[in-house]
């Protein structure tokens, strides 16, 4: 598994296009991004809290476990 980008959006297709076209500085060097895991939330605050968690060591361990073949 390579590098993982964790982000938050209300429109996944639009956000992927922004990343792929180089409009996002943080991912412009990553090349073609692939979606490997998603979660949906109705409330922004809950989604933001989850994003923050996924960026922690515990969140990275969780993602490795979920993405294990």
PDB file of N, CA and C in Angstrom:
ATOM      1  N   UNK A   1       0.857  -1.171   0.000  1.00  0.00           N
ATOM      2  CA  UNK A   1       0.000   0.000   0.000  1.00  0.00           C
ATOM      3  C   UNK A   1       0.902   1.233   0.000  1.00  0.00           C
ATOM      4  N   UNK A   2       0.579   2.176  -0.889  1.00  0.00           N
ATOM      5  CA  UNK A   2       1.339   3.415  -0.976  1.00  0.00           C
ATOM      6  C   UNK A   2       0.794   4.458  -0.015  1.00  0.00           C
ATOM      7  N   UNK A   3       0.931   5.684  -0.397  1.00  0.00           N
ATOM      8  CA  UNK A   3       0.432   6.775   0.433  1.00  0.00           C
ATOM      9  C   UNK A   3      -1.079   6.875   0.332  1.00  0.00           C
ATOM     10  N   UNK A   4      -1.695   7.241   1.432  1.00  0.00           N
ATOM     11  CA  UNK A   4      -3.144   7.409   1.458  1.00  0.00           C
ATOM     12  C   UNK A   4      -3.480   8.878   1.673  1.00  0.00           C
ATOM     13  N   UNK A   5      -4.398   9.379   0.885  1.00  0.00           N
ATOM     14  CA  UNK A   5      -4.928  10.729   1.069  1.00  0.00           C
ATOM     15  C   UNK A   5      -6.287  10.581   1.740  1.00  0.00           C
ATOM     16  N   UNK A   6      -6.490  11.294   2.804  1.00  0.00           N
ATOM     17  CA  UNK A   6      -7.782  11.279   3.490  1.00  0.00           C
ATOM     18  C   UNK A   6      -8.383  12.662   3.356  1.00  0.00           C
ATOM     19  N   UNK A   7      -9.616  12.732   2.890  1.00  0.00           N
ATOM     20  CA  UNK A   7     -10.238  14.033   2.687  1.00  0.00           C
ATOM     21  C   UNK A   7     -11.725  14.000   2.961  1.00  0.00           C
ATOM     22  N   UNK A   8     -12.310  15.165   2.817  1.00  0.00           N
ATOM     23  CA  UNK A   8     -13.716  15.373   3.142  1.00  0.00           C
ATOM     24  C   UNK A   8     -14.339  16.191   2.020  1.00  0.00           C
ATOM     25  N   UNK A   9     -15.481  15.768   1.514  1.00  0.00           N
ATOM     26  CA  UNK A   9     -16.162  16.511   0.457  1.00  0.00           C
ATOM     27  C   UNK A   9     -17.645  16.184   0.460  1.00  0.00           C
ATOM     28  N   UNK A  10     -18.419  17.071  -0.149  1.00  0.00           N
ATOM     29  CA  UNK A  10     -19.837  16.780  -0.328  1.00  0.00           C
ATOM     30  C   UNK A  10     -20.122  16.353  -1.767  1.00  0.00           C
ATOM     31  N   UNK A  11     -19.062  16.262  -2.605  1.00  0.00           N
ATOM     32  CA  UNK A  11     -19.215  15.839  -3.992  1.00  0.00           C
ATOM     33  C   UNK A  11     -17.927  15.133  -4.413  1.00  0.00           C
ATOM     34  N   UNK A  12     -17.915  13.816  -4.317  1.00  0.00           N
ATOM     35  CA  UNK A  12     -16.705  13.034  -4.546  1.00  0.00           C
ATOM     36  C   UNK A  12     -16.181  13.178  -5.977  1.00  0.00           C
ATOM     37  N   UNK A  13     -17.065  13.107  -6.963  1.00  0.00           N
ATOM     38  CA  UNK A  13     -16.607  13.200  -8.352  1.00  0.00           C
ATOM     39  C   UNK A  13     -15.959  14.546  -8.651  1.00  0.00           C
ATOM     40  N   UNK A  14     -16.557  15.630  -8.170  1.00  0.00           N
ATOM     41  CA  UNK A  14     -15.975  16.957  -8.362  1.00  0.00           C
ATOM     42  C   UNK A  14     -14.619  17.048  -7.693  1.00  0.00           C
ATOM     43  N   UNK A  15     -14.527  16.541  -6.485  1.00  0.00           N
ATOM     44  CA  UNK A  15     -13.279  16.619  -5.727  1.00  0.00           C
ATOM     45  C   UNK A  15     -12.167  15.812  -6.391  1.00  0.00           C
ATOM     46  N   UNK A  16     -12.497  14.637  -6.891  1.00  0.00           N
ATOM     47  CA  UNK A  16     -11.500  13.841  -7.613  1.00  0.00           C
ATOM     48  C   UNK A  16     -10.997  14.589  -8.843  1.00  0.00           C
ATOM     49  N   UNK A  17     -11.915  15.225  -9.567  1.00  0.00           N
ATOM     50  CA  UNK A  17     -11.516  15.994 -10.748  1.00  0.00           C
ATOM     51  C   UNK A  17     -10.580  17.138 -10.359  1.00  0.00           C
ATOM     52  N   UNK A  18     -10.860  17.801  -9.252  1.00  0.00           N
ATOM     53  CA  UNK A  18      -9.981  18.879  -8.779  1.00  0.00           C
ATOM     54  C   UNK A  18      -8.588  18.342  -8.475  1.00  0.00           C
ATOM     55  N   UNK A  19      -8.526  17.209  -7.823  1.00  0.00           N
ATOM     56  CA  UNK A  19      -7.229  16.600  -7.503  1.00  0.00           C
ATOM     57  C   UNK A  19      -6.488  16.195  -8.776  1.00  0.00           C
ATOM     58  N   UNK A  20      -7.184  15.530  -9.663  1.00  0.00           N
ATOM     59  CA  UNK A  20      -6.546  15.006 -10.878  1.00  0.00           C
ATOM     60  C   UNK A  20      -6.098  16.105 -11.835  1.00  0.00           C
ATOM     61  N   UNK A  21      -6.751  17.250 -11.793  1.00  0.00           N
ATOM     62  CA  UNK A  21      -6.378  18.335 -12.701  1.00  0.00           C
ATOM     63  C   UNK A  21      -5.303  19.238 -12.107  1.00  0.00           C
ATOM     64  N   UNK A  22      -4.832  18.904 -10.906  1.00  0.00           N
ATOM     65  CA  UNK A  22      -3.761  19.682 -10.290  1.00  0.00           C
ATOM     66  C   UNK A  22      -4.227  20.915  -9.548  1.00  0.00           C
ATOM     67  N   UNK A  23      -5.518  21.076  -9.342  1.00  0.00           N
ATOM     68  CA  UNK A  23      -6.052  22.239  -8.644  1.00  0.00           C
ATOM     69  C   UNK A  23      -5.796  22.185  -7.133  1.00  0.00           C
ATOM     70  N   UNK A  24      -5.408  21.026  -6.639  1.00  0.00           N
ATOM     71  CA  UNK A  24      -5.179  20.842  -5.211  1.00  0.00           C
ATOM     72  C   UNK A  24      -3.693  20.635  -4.973  1.00  0.00           C
ATOM     73  N   UNK A  25      -3.061  21.602  -4.325  1.00  0.00           N
ATOM     74  CA  UNK A  25      -1.611  21.571  -4.131  1.00  0.00           C
ATOM     75  C   UNK A  25      -1.147  20.328  -3.366  1.00  0.00           C
ATOM     76  N   UNK A  26      -1.910  19.907  -2.360  1.00  0.00           N
ATOM     77  CA  UNK A  26      -1.481  18.784  -1.510  1.00  0.00           C
ATOM     78  C   UNK A  26      -1.405  17.457  -2.257  1.00  0.00           C
ATOM     79  N   UNK A  27      -2.113  17.324  -3.373  1.00  0.00           N
ATOM     80  CA  UNK A  27      -2.105  16.055  -4.100  1.00  0.00           C
ATOM     81  C   UNK A  27      -1.572  16.185  -5.521  1.00  0.00           C
ATOM     82  N   UNK A  28      -1.118  17.349  -5.909  1.00  0.00           N
ATOM     83  CA  UNK A  28      -0.681  17.550  -7.296  1.00  0.00           C
ATOM     84  C   UNK A  28       0.503  16.659  -7.657  1.00  0.00           C
ATOM     85  N   UNK A  29       1.294  16.253  -6.692  1.00  0.00           N
ATOM     86  CA  UNK A  29       2.465  15.408  -6.941  1.00  0.00           C
ATOM     87  C   UNK A  29       2.152  13.907  -6.866  1.00  0.00           C
ATOM     88  N   UNK A  30       0.930  13.548  -6.537  1.00  0.00           N
ATOM     89  CA  UNK A  30       0.582  12.143  -6.326  1.00  0.00           C
ATOM     90  C   UNK A  30       0.172  11.409  -7.594  1.00  0.00           C
ATOM     91  N   UNK A  31      -0.018  12.099  -8.692  1.00  0.00           N
ATOM     92  CA  UNK A  31      -0.431  11.422  -9.913  1.00  0.00           C
ATOM     93  C   UNK A  31      -1.891  11.029  -9.865  1.00  0.00           C
ATOM     94  N   UNK A  32      -2.229   9.902 -10.449  1.00  0.00           N
ATOM     95  CA  UNK A  32      -3.618   9.459 -10.528  1.00  0.00           C
ATOM     96  C   UNK A  32      -4.074   8.880  -9.195  1.00  0.00           C
ATOM     97  N   UNK A  33      -5.056   9.516  -8.602  1.00  0.00           N
ATOM     98  CA  UNK A  33      -5.605   9.042  -7.330  1.00  0.00           C
ATOM     99  C   UNK A  33      -6.714   8.028  -7.588  1.00  0.00           C
ATOM    100  N   UNK A  34      -6.814   7.044  -6.710  1.00  0.00           N
ATOM    101  CA  UNK A  34      -7.885   6.055  -6.763  1.00  0.00           C
ATOM    102  C   UNK A  34      -8.628   6.077  -5.439  1.00  0.00           C
ATOM    103  N   UNK A  35      -9.924   5.940  -5.501  1.00  0.00           N
ATOM    104  CA  UNK A  35     -10.743   5.835  -4.298  1.00  0.00           C
ATOM    105  C   UNK A  35     -10.704   4.385  -3.850  1.00  0.00           C
ATOM    106  N   UNK A  36     -10.254   4.152  -2.616  1.00  0.00           N
ATOM    107  CA  UNK A  36     -10.176   2.782  -2.104  1.00  0.00           C
ATOM    108  C   UNK A  36     -11.106   2.552  -0.921  1.00  0.00           C
ATOM    109  N   UNK A  37     -11.634   3.628  -0.346  1.00  0.00           N
ATOM    110  CA  UNK A  37     -12.514   3.478   0.813  1.00  0.00           C
ATOM    111  C   UNK A  37     -13.301   4.769   0.993  1.00  0.00           C
ATOM    112  N   UNK A  38     -14.588   4.667   1.244  1.00  0.00           N
ATOM    113  CA  UNK A  38     -15.410   5.850   1.503  1.00  0.00           C
ATOM    114  C   UNK A  38     -16.354   5.591   2.671  1.00  0.00           C
ATOM    115  N   UNK A  39     -16.775   6.662   3.276  1.00  0.00           N
ATOM    116  CA  UNK A  39     -17.815   6.644   4.302  1.00  0.00           C
ATOM    117  C   UNK A  39     -18.699   7.854   4.038  1.00  0.00           C
ATOM    118  N   UNK A  40     -19.967   7.750   4.360  1.00  0.00           N
ATOM    119  CA  UNK A  40     -20.894   8.871   4.186  1.00  0.00           C
ATOM    120  C   UNK A  40     -21.494   9.256   5.527  1.00  0.00           C
ATOM    121  N   UNK A  41     -21.640  10.576   5.723  1.00  0.00           N
ATOM    122  CA  UNK A  41     -22.226  11.121   6.944  1.00  0.00           C
ATOM    123  C   UNK A  41     -23.206  12.218   6.572  1.00  0.00           C
ATOM    124  N   UNK A  42     -24.252  12.366   7.338  1.00  0.00           N
ATOM    125  CA  UNK A  42     -25.246  13.407   7.079  1.00  0.00           C
ATOM    126  C   UNK A  42     -24.828  14.747   7.660  1.00  0.00           C
ATOM    127  N   UNK A  43     -24.036  14.721   8.717  1.00  0.00           N
ATOM    128  CA  UNK A  43     -23.642  15.959   9.377  1.00  0.00           C
ATOM    129  C   UNK A  43     -22.162  16.242   9.153  1.00  0.00           C
ATOM    130  N   UNK A  44     -21.859  17.493   8.789  1.00  0.00           N
ATOM    131  CA  UNK A  44     -20.483  17.890   8.517  1.00  0.00           C
ATOM    132  C   UNK A  44     -19.592  17.659   9.732  1.00  0.00           C
ATOM    133  N   UNK A  45     -20.056  18.019  10.913  1.00  0.00           N
ATOM    134  CA  UNK A  45     -19.225  17.901  12.120  1.00  0.00           C
ATOM    135  C   UNK A  45     -18.812  16.453  12.373  1.00  0.00           C
ATOM    136  N   UNK A  46     -19.707  15.523  12.124  1.00  0.00           N
ATOM    137  CA  UNK A  46     -19.399  14.106  12.322  1.00  0.00           C
ATOM    138  C   UNK A  46     -18.383  13.649  11.275  1.00  0.00           C
ATOM    139  N   UNK A  47     -18.583  14.092  10.032  1.00  0.00           N
ATOM    140  CA  UNK A  47     -17.639  13.730   8.963  1.00  0.00           C
ATOM    141  C   UNK A  47     -16.258  14.306   9.246  1.00  0.00           C
ATOM    142  N   UNK A  48     -16.203  15.530   9.708  1.00  0.00           N
ATOM    143  CA  UNK A  48     -14.905  16.166  10.006  1.00  0.00           C
ATOM    144  C   UNK A  48     -14.210  15.448  11.152  1.00  0.00           C
ATOM    145  N   UNK A  49     -14.962  15.059  12.157  1.00  0.00           N
ATOM    146  CA  UNK A  49     -14.397  14.324  13.277  1.00  0.00           C
ATOM    147  C   UNK A  49     -13.811  12.989  12.806  1.00  0.00           C
ATOM    148  N   UNK A  50     -14.510  12.321  11.918  1.00  0.00           N
ATOM    149  CA  UNK A  50     -14.030  11.043  11.384  1.00  0.00           C
ATOM    150  C   UNK A  50     -12.767  11.244  10.551  1.00  0.00           C
ATOM    151  N   UNK A  51     -12.727  12.312   9.749  1.00  0.00           N
ATOM    152  CA  UNK A  51     -11.540  12.622   8.953  1.00  0.00           C
ATOM    153  C   UNK A  51     -10.326  12.837   9.861  1.00  0.00           C
ATOM    154  N   UNK A  52     -10.508  13.580  10.918  1.00  0.00           N
ATOM    155  CA  UNK A  52      -9.420  13.833  11.866  1.00  0.00           C
ATOM    156  C   UNK A  52      -8.946  12.513  12.469  1.00  0.00           C
ATOM    157  N   UNK A  53      -9.874  11.640  12.846  1.00  0.00           N
ATOM    158  CA  UNK A  53      -9.506  10.333  13.391  1.00  0.00           C
ATOM    159  C   UNK A  53      -8.694   9.519  12.387  1.00  0.00           C
ATOM    160  N   UNK A  54      -9.138   9.482  11.134  1.00  0.00           N
ATOM    161  CA  UNK A  54      -8.455   8.669  10.121  1.00  0.00           C
ATOM    162  C   UNK A  54      -7.032   9.148   9.858  1.00  0.00           C
ATOM    163  N   UNK A  55      -6.734  10.380  10.229  1.00  0.00           N
ATOM    164  CA  UNK A  55      -5.385  10.928  10.044  1.00  0.00           C
ATOM    165  C   UNK A  55      -4.478  10.646  11.246  1.00  0.00           C
ATOM    166  N   UNK A  56      -5.012   9.998  12.282  1.00  0.00           N
ATOM    167  CA  UNK A  56      -4.207   9.631  13.449  1.00  0.00           C
ATOM    168  C   UNK A  56      -3.591   8.249  13.226  1.00  0.00           C
ATOM    169  N   UNK A  57      -2.687   7.870  14.101  1.00  0.00           N
ATOM    170  CA  UNK A  57      -2.073   6.537  14.014  1.00  0.00           C
ATOM    171  C   UNK A  57      -3.142   5.443  14.122  1.00  0.00           C
ATOM    172  N   UNK A  58      -4.093   5.616  15.021  1.00  0.00           N
ATOM    173  CA  UNK A  58      -5.164   4.617  15.171  1.00  0.00           C
ATOM    174  C   UNK A  58      -6.011   4.555  13.908  1.00  0.00           C
ATOM    175  N   UNK A  59      -6.284   5.693  13.301  1.00  0.00           N
ATOM    176  CA  UNK A  59      -7.056   5.729  12.072  1.00  0.00           C
ATOM    177  C   UNK A  59      -6.320   5.066  10.921  1.00  0.00           C
ATOM    178  N   UNK A  60      -5.009   5.278  10.843  1.00  0.00           N
ATOM    179  CA  UNK A  60      -4.215   4.621   9.798  1.00  0.00           C
ATOM    180  C   UNK A  60      -4.227   3.109   9.993  1.00  0.00           C
ATOM    181  N   UNK A  61      -4.151   2.647  11.236  1.00  0.00           N
ATOM    182  CA  UNK A  61      -4.228   1.204  11.509  1.00  0.00           C
ATOM    183  C   UNK A  61      -5.592   0.656  11.079  1.00  0.00           C
ATOM    184  N   UNK A  62      -6.643   1.400  11.377  1.00  0.00           N
ATOM    185  CA  UNK A  62      -7.989   0.992  10.975  1.00  0.00           C
ATOM    186  C   UNK A  62      -8.066   0.847   9.457  1.00  0.00           C
ATOM    187  N   UNK A  63      -7.563   1.815   8.720  1.00  0.00           N
ATOM    188  CA  UNK A  63      -7.622   1.759   7.262  1.00  0.00           C
ATOM    189  C   UNK A  63      -6.823   0.588   6.708  1.00  0.00           C
ATOM    190  N   UNK A  64      -5.664   0.319   7.287  1.00  0.00           N
ATOM    191  CA  UNK A  64      -4.877  -0.832   6.835  1.00  0.00           C
ATOM    192  C   UNK A  64      -5.660  -2.121   7.038  1.00  0.00           C
ATOM    193  N   UNK A  65      -6.352  -2.231   8.170  1.00  0.00           N
ATOM    194  CA  UNK A  65      -7.148  -3.420   8.466  1.00  0.00           C
ATOM    195  C   UNK A  65      -8.312  -3.569   7.488  1.00  0.00           C
ATOM    196  N   UNK A  66      -9.002  -2.480   7.224  1.00  0.00           N
ATOM    197  CA  UNK A  66     -10.162  -2.495   6.320  1.00  0.00           C
ATOM    198  C   UNK A  66      -9.726  -2.820   4.890  1.00  0.00           C
ATOM    199  N   UNK A  67      -8.576  -2.343   4.480  1.00  0.00           N
ATOM    200  CA  UNK A  67      -8.129  -2.492   3.100  1.00  0.00           C
ATOM    201  C   UNK A  67      -7.331  -3.772   2.880  1.00  0.00           C
ATOM    202  N   UNK A  68      -7.088  -4.533   3.924  1.00  0.00           N
ATOM    203  CA  UNK A  68      -6.333  -5.780   3.803  1.00  0.00           C
ATOM    204  C   UNK A  68      -7.068  -6.744   2.884  1.00  0.00           C
ATOM    205  N   UNK A  69      -6.361  -7.345   1.908  1.00  0.00           N
ATOM    206  CA  UNK A  69      -7.032  -8.270   0.964  1.00  0.00           C
ATOM    207  C   UNK A  69      -7.511  -9.550   1.602  1.00  0.00           C
TER     208      UNK A  69
END
